[in-house]
């Protein structure tokens, strides 16, 4: 039970760090922050296309890097505790993103929002899943057969 709490805490910290834009470009020091990080949140807000387009390259890389850390942590735990292994989001994300440079992932998300300006309210994670991960995995959640 303590291990599960530790995993959840690490995942939350990784996502908070990634969405806060802790990896900034040198030019980003003069930019205004996208949101007030001191506000008490009831839940983590979803990053959408409007915010994504306003982010610096470094902030986008940091977001993808944070996702990668969550996936890596879950896979490490599954390696040590095989009973926790399942066909869930992290394992499918790892499969779908394997071998892709973070800059390529960012470029693909940028292209989606540029090509679909009416979809700026779509969460970045939905775009990442639907346009990048899902086409590259053998089967979806719960091991259903791909059409």
N, C-alpha and C. Protein backbone atom coordinates (compact mmCIF):
# COMPACT_ATOMS: atom_id res chain seq x y z
N UNK A 1 0.82 -1.19 0.00
CA UNK A 1 0.00 0.00 0.00
C UNK A 1 0.87 1.25 0.00
N UNK A 2 1.99 1.22 0.77
CA UNK A 2 2.88 2.37 0.80
C UNK A 2 3.51 2.60 -0.57
N UNK A 3 3.83 1.51 -1.27
CA UNK A 3 4.42 1.62 -2.60
C UNK A 3 3.45 2.29 -3.56
N UNK A 4 2.19 1.91 -3.49
CA UNK A 4 1.17 2.51 -4.36
C UNK A 4 1.04 4.01 -4.09
N UNK A 5 1.06 4.40 -2.81
CA UNK A 5 0.98 5.82 -2.47
C UNK A 5 2.21 6.56 -2.98
N UNK A 6 3.38 5.92 -2.88
CA UNK A 6 4.61 6.53 -3.36
C UNK A 6 4.56 6.72 -4.88
N UNK A 7 4.03 5.72 -5.58
CA UNK A 7 3.91 5.82 -7.04
C UNK A 7 2.98 6.96 -7.40
N UNK A 8 1.83 7.04 -6.74
CA UNK A 8 0.87 8.11 -7.03
C UNK A 8 1.48 9.48 -6.75
N UNK A 9 2.22 9.62 -5.66
CA UNK A 9 2.86 10.88 -5.33
C UNK A 9 3.90 11.25 -6.39
N UNK A 10 4.71 10.29 -6.80
CA UNK A 10 5.73 10.55 -7.82
C UNK A 10 5.09 10.96 -9.14
N UNK A 11 4.02 10.28 -9.53
CA UNK A 11 3.32 10.62 -10.77
C UNK A 11 2.76 12.03 -10.71
N UNK A 12 2.14 12.36 -9.60
CA UNK A 12 1.57 13.70 -9.44
C UNK A 12 2.65 14.76 -9.50
N UNK A 13 3.76 14.52 -8.81
CA UNK A 13 4.86 15.49 -8.83
C UNK A 13 5.45 15.65 -10.22
N UNK A 14 5.59 14.55 -10.95
CA UNK A 14 6.13 14.61 -12.31
C UNK A 14 5.22 15.42 -13.22
N UNK A 15 3.91 15.20 -13.12
CA UNK A 15 2.96 15.95 -13.96
C UNK A 15 2.92 17.42 -13.59
N UNK A 16 2.96 17.71 -12.29
CA UNK A 16 2.95 19.11 -11.86
C UNK A 16 4.21 19.80 -12.37
N UNK A 17 5.35 19.15 -12.23
CA UNK A 17 6.60 19.73 -12.71
C UNK A 17 6.58 19.96 -14.20
N UNK A 18 6.03 19.02 -14.93
CA UNK A 18 5.98 19.14 -16.39
C UNK A 18 5.05 20.25 -16.83
N UNK A 19 3.88 20.33 -16.21
CA UNK A 19 2.91 21.35 -16.63
C UNK A 19 3.28 22.73 -16.14
N UNK A 20 4.13 22.81 -15.14
CA UNK A 20 4.54 24.13 -14.64
C UNK A 20 5.60 24.75 -15.52
N UNK A 21 6.13 23.98 -16.47
CA UNK A 21 7.12 24.53 -17.39
C UNK A 21 8.47 24.74 -16.74
N UNK A 22 8.92 23.76 -15.97
CA UNK A 22 10.19 23.92 -15.26
C UNK A 22 11.39 23.88 -16.18
N UNK A 23 11.23 23.41 -17.38
CA UNK A 23 12.32 23.37 -18.35
C UNK A 23 12.09 24.49 -19.34
N UNK A 24 12.70 25.64 -19.11
CA UNK A 24 12.42 26.81 -19.91
C UNK A 24 13.53 27.12 -20.90
N UNK A 25 13.16 27.71 -22.02
CA UNK A 25 14.13 28.26 -22.96
C UNK A 25 14.76 29.49 -22.33
N UNK A 26 15.92 29.89 -22.80
CA UNK A 26 16.54 31.11 -22.30
C UNK A 26 15.65 32.31 -22.56
N UNK A 27 14.96 32.31 -23.69
CA UNK A 27 14.07 33.43 -24.03
C UNK A 27 12.82 33.46 -23.16
N UNK A 28 12.49 32.36 -22.53
CA UNK A 28 11.26 32.28 -21.75
C UNK A 28 11.34 33.07 -20.46
N UNK A 29 12.54 33.47 -20.04
CA UNK A 29 12.67 34.21 -18.79
C UNK A 29 11.99 35.56 -18.86
N UNK A 30 11.80 36.09 -20.07
CA UNK A 30 11.14 37.38 -20.23
C UNK A 30 9.64 37.24 -20.47
N UNK A 31 9.16 36.03 -20.64
CA UNK A 31 7.76 35.81 -20.95
C UNK A 31 6.92 35.75 -19.69
N UNK A 32 5.64 36.09 -19.84
CA UNK A 32 4.71 35.99 -18.73
C UNK A 32 4.31 34.53 -18.55
N UNK A 33 4.12 34.06 -17.31
CA UNK A 33 3.66 32.69 -17.12
C UNK A 33 2.26 32.51 -17.67
N UNK A 34 1.95 31.30 -18.12
CA UNK A 34 0.65 31.01 -18.71
C UNK A 34 -0.46 30.96 -17.67
N UNK A 35 -0.11 30.61 -16.44
CA UNK A 35 -1.13 30.54 -15.40
C UNK A 35 -0.49 30.83 -14.06
N UNK A 36 -1.32 31.10 -13.08
CA UNK A 36 -0.85 31.38 -11.74
C UNK A 36 -0.70 30.05 -11.01
N UNK A 37 0.54 29.62 -10.82
CA UNK A 37 0.82 28.32 -10.20
C UNK A 37 0.54 28.31 -8.70
N UNK A 38 0.25 29.49 -8.11
CA UNK A 38 0.00 29.54 -6.67
C UNK A 38 -1.48 29.34 -6.33
N UNK A 39 -2.34 29.26 -7.33
CA UNK A 39 -3.78 29.09 -7.11
C UNK A 39 -4.05 27.68 -6.59
N UNK A 40 -4.92 27.57 -5.57
CA UNK A 40 -5.32 26.27 -5.07
C UNK A 40 -6.28 25.61 -6.07
N UNK A 41 -5.93 24.41 -6.51
CA UNK A 41 -6.74 23.72 -7.52
C UNK A 41 -7.59 22.64 -6.87
N UNK A 42 -8.82 22.49 -7.36
CA UNK A 42 -9.66 21.38 -6.94
C UNK A 42 -9.26 20.13 -7.71
N UNK A 43 -8.81 20.33 -8.94
CA UNK A 43 -8.30 19.24 -9.76
C UNK A 43 -7.31 19.82 -10.76
N UNK A 44 -6.47 18.99 -11.32
CA UNK A 44 -5.47 19.44 -12.28
C UNK A 44 -6.18 19.85 -13.57
N UNK A 45 -5.98 21.08 -14.04
CA UNK A 45 -6.62 21.49 -15.29
C UNK A 45 -6.01 20.74 -16.47
N UNK A 46 -6.83 20.50 -17.49
CA UNK A 46 -6.34 19.85 -18.70
C UNK A 46 -5.66 20.87 -19.59
N UNK A 47 -4.52 20.50 -20.10
CA UNK A 47 -3.80 21.34 -21.05
C UNK A 47 -4.48 21.19 -22.40
N UNK A 48 -4.94 22.30 -22.99
CA UNK A 48 -5.62 22.23 -24.29
C UNK A 48 -4.79 22.94 -25.35
N UNK A 49 -5.31 22.97 -26.57
CA UNK A 49 -4.59 23.54 -27.70
C UNK A 49 -4.33 25.03 -27.59
N UNK A 50 -5.26 25.77 -26.98
CA UNK A 50 -5.04 27.20 -26.81
C UNK A 50 -3.80 27.46 -25.96
N UNK A 51 -3.70 26.78 -24.85
CA UNK A 51 -2.54 26.94 -23.97
C UNK A 51 -1.29 26.38 -24.64
N UNK A 52 -1.43 25.23 -25.30
CA UNK A 52 -0.29 24.59 -25.98
C UNK A 52 0.35 25.55 -26.97
N UNK A 53 -0.46 26.23 -27.76
CA UNK A 53 0.07 27.14 -28.77
C UNK A 53 0.79 28.33 -28.16
N UNK A 54 0.45 28.70 -26.94
CA UNK A 54 1.10 29.83 -26.28
C UNK A 54 2.37 29.42 -25.54
N UNK A 55 2.62 28.12 -25.42
CA UNK A 55 3.78 27.63 -24.68
C UNK A 55 5.06 27.76 -25.51
N UNK A 56 6.17 27.89 -24.81
CA UNK A 56 7.47 27.90 -25.48
C UNK A 56 7.83 26.47 -25.86
N UNK A 57 8.80 26.33 -26.71
CA UNK A 57 9.28 25.00 -27.09
C UNK A 57 9.75 24.24 -25.86
N UNK A 58 10.45 24.91 -24.98
CA UNK A 58 10.94 24.27 -23.75
C UNK A 58 9.82 23.78 -22.85
N UNK A 59 8.75 24.55 -22.75
CA UNK A 59 7.60 24.14 -21.94
C UNK A 59 6.92 22.92 -22.54
N UNK A 60 6.83 22.88 -23.87
CA UNK A 60 6.23 21.72 -24.54
C UNK A 60 7.08 20.47 -24.31
N UNK A 61 8.40 20.61 -24.44
CA UNK A 61 9.30 19.48 -24.19
C UNK A 61 9.16 19.02 -22.74
N UNK A 62 9.06 19.97 -21.81
CA UNK A 62 8.92 19.61 -20.39
C UNK A 62 7.64 18.82 -20.15
N UNK A 63 6.56 19.18 -20.82
CA UNK A 63 5.30 18.45 -20.66
C UNK A 63 5.47 17.01 -21.15
N UNK A 64 6.04 16.84 -22.35
CA UNK A 64 6.25 15.49 -22.89
C UNK A 64 7.23 14.73 -22.01
N UNK A 65 8.24 15.40 -21.51
CA UNK A 65 9.22 14.77 -20.62
C UNK A 65 8.53 14.27 -19.35
N UNK A 66 7.62 15.07 -18.80
CA UNK A 66 6.88 14.66 -17.61
C UNK A 66 6.04 13.42 -17.85
N UNK A 67 5.39 13.36 -19.01
CA UNK A 67 4.62 12.16 -19.36
C UNK A 67 5.55 10.95 -19.43
N UNK A 68 6.71 11.16 -20.04
CA UNK A 68 7.69 10.08 -20.14
C UNK A 68 8.14 9.58 -18.78
N UNK A 69 8.31 10.49 -17.82
CA UNK A 69 8.72 10.09 -16.47
C UNK A 69 7.65 9.24 -15.80
N UNK A 70 6.39 9.62 -15.96
CA UNK A 70 5.30 8.84 -15.37
C UNK A 70 5.28 7.43 -15.97
N UNK A 71 5.40 7.35 -17.28
CA UNK A 71 5.40 6.05 -17.96
C UNK A 71 6.60 5.21 -17.49
N UNK A 72 7.77 5.83 -17.41
CA UNK A 72 8.98 5.12 -16.98
C UNK A 72 8.85 4.63 -15.55
N UNK A 73 8.33 5.47 -14.66
CA UNK A 73 8.17 5.05 -13.26
C UNK A 73 7.23 3.86 -13.15
N UNK A 74 6.12 3.90 -13.89
CA UNK A 74 5.17 2.79 -13.82
C UNK A 74 5.81 1.50 -14.35
N UNK A 75 6.56 1.60 -15.42
CA UNK A 75 7.21 0.41 -15.98
C UNK A 75 8.26 -0.15 -15.03
N UNK A 76 8.98 0.72 -14.32
CA UNK A 76 9.98 0.28 -13.34
C UNK A 76 9.30 -0.50 -12.21
N UNK A 77 8.18 0.05 -11.73
CA UNK A 77 7.45 -0.62 -10.65
C UNK A 77 6.91 -1.96 -11.14
N UNK A 78 6.38 -2.00 -12.36
CA UNK A 78 5.86 -3.25 -12.91
C UNK A 78 6.97 -4.28 -13.03
N UNK A 79 8.20 -3.84 -13.33
CA UNK A 79 9.33 -4.75 -13.44
C UNK A 79 9.68 -5.37 -12.10
N UNK A 80 9.54 -4.59 -11.04
CA UNK A 80 9.85 -5.07 -9.70
C UNK A 80 8.67 -5.79 -9.06
N UNK A 81 7.46 -5.43 -9.45
CA UNK A 81 6.25 -6.03 -8.89
C UNK A 81 5.34 -6.45 -10.03
N UNK A 82 5.62 -7.59 -10.68
CA UNK A 82 4.85 -8.02 -11.86
C UNK A 82 3.35 -8.12 -11.64
N UNK A 83 2.92 -8.30 -10.40
CA UNK A 83 1.48 -8.41 -10.13
C UNK A 83 0.76 -7.08 -10.39
N UNK A 84 1.51 -5.98 -10.49
CA UNK A 84 0.90 -4.69 -10.77
C UNK A 84 0.78 -4.41 -12.27
N UNK A 85 1.37 -5.29 -13.10
CA UNK A 85 1.37 -5.06 -14.54
C UNK A 85 -0.04 -5.26 -15.10
N UNK A 86 -0.42 -4.33 -15.98
CA UNK A 86 -1.72 -4.41 -16.65
C UNK A 86 -1.61 -3.71 -17.99
N UNK A 87 -2.58 -3.92 -18.82
CA UNK A 87 -2.62 -3.26 -20.12
C UNK A 87 -3.31 -1.91 -19.95
N UNK A 88 -2.65 -0.99 -19.26
CA UNK A 88 -3.24 0.30 -18.97
C UNK A 88 -2.63 1.41 -19.80
N UNK A 89 -2.97 2.62 -19.44
CA UNK A 89 -2.54 3.79 -20.18
C UNK A 89 -1.03 3.88 -20.28
N UNK A 90 -0.32 3.74 -19.17
CA UNK A 90 1.14 3.92 -19.20
C UNK A 90 1.82 2.89 -20.09
N UNK A 91 1.39 1.65 -20.03
CA UNK A 91 2.03 0.63 -20.87
C UNK A 91 1.75 0.87 -22.34
N UNK A 92 0.55 1.33 -22.66
CA UNK A 92 0.22 1.63 -24.05
C UNK A 92 0.92 2.90 -24.52
N UNK A 93 1.07 3.89 -23.64
CA UNK A 93 1.82 5.09 -23.99
C UNK A 93 3.27 4.73 -24.29
N UNK A 94 3.84 3.87 -23.45
CA UNK A 94 5.23 3.45 -23.65
C UNK A 94 5.38 2.76 -25.00
N UNK A 95 4.45 1.89 -25.33
CA UNK A 95 4.48 1.19 -26.61
C UNK A 95 4.34 2.16 -27.78
N UNK A 96 3.41 3.08 -27.70
CA UNK A 96 3.13 3.99 -28.80
C UNK A 96 4.17 5.08 -29.00
N UNK A 97 4.89 5.43 -27.94
CA UNK A 97 5.88 6.49 -28.03
C UNK A 97 7.31 5.97 -28.15
N UNK A 98 7.46 4.65 -28.11
CA UNK A 98 8.80 4.05 -28.14
C UNK A 98 9.58 4.51 -29.36
N UNK A 99 10.79 5.00 -29.12
CA UNK A 99 11.69 5.38 -30.20
C UNK A 99 11.42 6.74 -30.81
N UNK A 100 10.42 7.46 -30.32
CA UNK A 100 10.12 8.78 -30.89
C UNK A 100 10.84 9.87 -30.10
N UNK A 101 11.55 10.75 -30.79
CA UNK A 101 12.16 11.89 -30.09
C UNK A 101 11.08 12.84 -29.59
N UNK A 102 11.32 13.49 -28.44
CA UNK A 102 10.34 14.41 -27.89
C UNK A 102 10.03 15.55 -28.86
N UNK A 103 11.03 16.00 -29.60
CA UNK A 103 10.81 17.09 -30.56
C UNK A 103 9.83 16.67 -31.65
N UNK A 104 9.87 15.39 -32.05
CA UNK A 104 8.93 14.90 -33.07
C UNK A 104 7.51 14.86 -32.51
N UNK A 105 7.37 14.45 -31.26
CA UNK A 105 6.05 14.42 -30.62
C UNK A 105 5.47 15.83 -30.55
N UNK A 106 6.30 16.78 -30.11
CA UNK A 106 5.87 18.18 -30.02
C UNK A 106 5.46 18.68 -31.41
N UNK A 107 6.24 18.39 -32.42
CA UNK A 107 5.94 18.83 -33.80
C UNK A 107 4.61 18.27 -34.28
N UNK A 108 4.34 17.01 -33.95
CA UNK A 108 3.09 16.37 -34.38
C UNK A 108 1.88 17.02 -33.70
N UNK A 109 2.04 17.35 -32.41
CA UNK A 109 0.95 18.01 -31.69
C UNK A 109 0.76 19.43 -32.25
N UNK A 110 1.86 20.15 -32.48
CA UNK A 110 1.78 21.48 -33.08
C UNK A 110 1.03 21.42 -34.41
N UNK A 111 1.39 20.46 -35.24
CA UNK A 111 0.77 20.32 -36.57
C UNK A 111 -0.72 20.05 -36.45
N UNK A 112 -1.12 19.21 -35.50
CA UNK A 112 -2.54 18.92 -35.31
C UNK A 112 -3.31 20.21 -35.04
N UNK A 113 -2.83 21.02 -34.09
CA UNK A 113 -3.55 22.24 -33.73
C UNK A 113 -3.50 23.27 -34.87
N UNK A 114 -2.41 23.31 -35.63
CA UNK A 114 -2.32 24.22 -36.78
C UNK A 114 -3.30 23.80 -37.86
N UNK A 115 -3.39 22.49 -38.12
CA UNK A 115 -4.29 21.97 -39.16
C UNK A 115 -5.74 21.94 -38.73
N UNK A 116 -6.00 22.02 -37.43
CA UNK A 116 -7.36 21.92 -36.89
C UNK A 116 -7.66 23.07 -35.93
N UNK A 117 -7.70 24.31 -36.41
CA UNK A 117 -7.90 25.44 -35.51
C UNK A 117 -9.24 25.41 -34.75
N UNK A 118 -10.19 24.68 -35.23
CA UNK A 118 -11.46 24.53 -34.53
C UNK A 118 -11.40 23.54 -33.38
N UNK A 119 -10.25 22.90 -33.20
CA UNK A 119 -10.10 21.89 -32.15
C UNK A 119 -9.17 22.33 -31.03
N UNK A 120 -9.00 23.63 -30.85
CA UNK A 120 -8.09 24.13 -29.82
C UNK A 120 -8.54 23.78 -28.41
N UNK A 121 -9.82 23.44 -28.25
CA UNK A 121 -10.28 23.05 -26.91
C UNK A 121 -9.97 21.57 -26.62
N UNK A 122 -9.51 20.82 -27.61
CA UNK A 122 -9.14 19.41 -27.39
C UNK A 122 -7.96 19.33 -26.43
N UNK A 123 -8.04 18.48 -25.41
CA UNK A 123 -6.89 18.31 -24.51
C UNK A 123 -5.68 17.75 -25.27
N UNK A 124 -4.50 18.20 -24.88
CA UNK A 124 -3.26 17.74 -25.50
C UNK A 124 -3.13 16.22 -25.34
N UNK A 125 -3.52 15.69 -24.19
CA UNK A 125 -3.41 14.24 -23.97
C UNK A 125 -4.30 13.47 -24.94
N UNK A 126 -5.46 14.02 -25.29
CA UNK A 126 -6.34 13.37 -26.27
C UNK A 126 -5.67 13.35 -27.64
N UNK A 127 -5.07 14.47 -28.03
CA UNK A 127 -4.37 14.56 -29.30
C UNK A 127 -3.19 13.58 -29.31
N UNK A 128 -2.44 13.57 -28.22
CA UNK A 128 -1.29 12.66 -28.10
C UNK A 128 -1.75 11.21 -28.26
N UNK A 129 -2.83 10.86 -27.59
CA UNK A 129 -3.34 9.48 -27.66
C UNK A 129 -3.88 9.16 -29.05
N UNK A 130 -4.83 9.98 -29.54
CA UNK A 130 -5.52 9.68 -30.80
C UNK A 130 -4.63 9.76 -32.03
N UNK A 131 -3.73 10.72 -32.07
CA UNK A 131 -2.96 10.98 -33.29
C UNK A 131 -1.56 10.38 -33.29
N UNK A 132 -1.02 10.07 -32.11
CA UNK A 132 0.36 9.57 -32.06
C UNK A 132 0.43 8.16 -31.48
N UNK A 133 -0.14 7.96 -30.31
CA UNK A 133 -0.01 6.66 -29.62
C UNK A 133 -0.88 5.59 -30.27
N UNK A 134 -2.17 5.83 -30.36
CA UNK A 134 -3.13 4.82 -30.83
C UNK A 134 -2.76 4.21 -32.19
N UNK A 135 -2.34 5.02 -33.18
CA UNK A 135 -1.97 4.41 -34.47
C UNK A 135 -0.73 3.50 -34.41
N UNK A 136 0.06 3.61 -33.34
CA UNK A 136 1.32 2.87 -33.27
C UNK A 136 1.25 1.65 -32.33
N UNK A 137 0.12 1.40 -31.70
CA UNK A 137 0.05 0.26 -30.79
C UNK A 137 -0.65 -0.92 -31.46
N UNK A 138 -0.28 -2.12 -30.99
CA UNK A 138 -0.83 -3.34 -31.58
C UNK A 138 -2.28 -3.55 -31.20
N UNK A 139 -2.64 -3.27 -29.95
CA UNK A 139 -4.01 -3.41 -29.48
C UNK A 139 -4.28 -2.30 -28.48
N UNK A 140 -5.54 -1.95 -28.32
CA UNK A 140 -5.90 -0.87 -27.41
C UNK A 140 -5.99 -1.36 -25.98
N UNK A 141 -6.71 -0.61 -25.18
CA UNK A 141 -6.93 -1.01 -23.80
C UNK A 141 -7.61 -2.36 -23.74
N UNK A 142 -7.34 -3.08 -22.73
CA UNK A 142 -7.96 -4.38 -22.47
C UNK A 142 -7.72 -5.37 -23.60
N UNK A 143 -6.67 -5.12 -24.37
CA UNK A 143 -6.22 -6.05 -25.42
C UNK A 143 -7.27 -6.33 -26.47
N UNK A 144 -8.14 -5.36 -26.81
CA UNK A 144 -9.08 -5.61 -27.90
C UNK A 144 -8.31 -5.63 -29.21
N UNK A 145 -8.86 -6.30 -30.20
CA UNK A 145 -8.21 -6.43 -31.51
C UNK A 145 -8.38 -5.14 -32.28
N UNK A 146 -7.30 -4.68 -32.92
CA UNK A 146 -7.36 -3.49 -33.76
C UNK A 146 -8.15 -3.79 -35.02
N UNK A 147 -8.96 -2.83 -35.47
CA UNK A 147 -9.77 -3.04 -36.68
C UNK A 147 -8.91 -2.96 -37.91
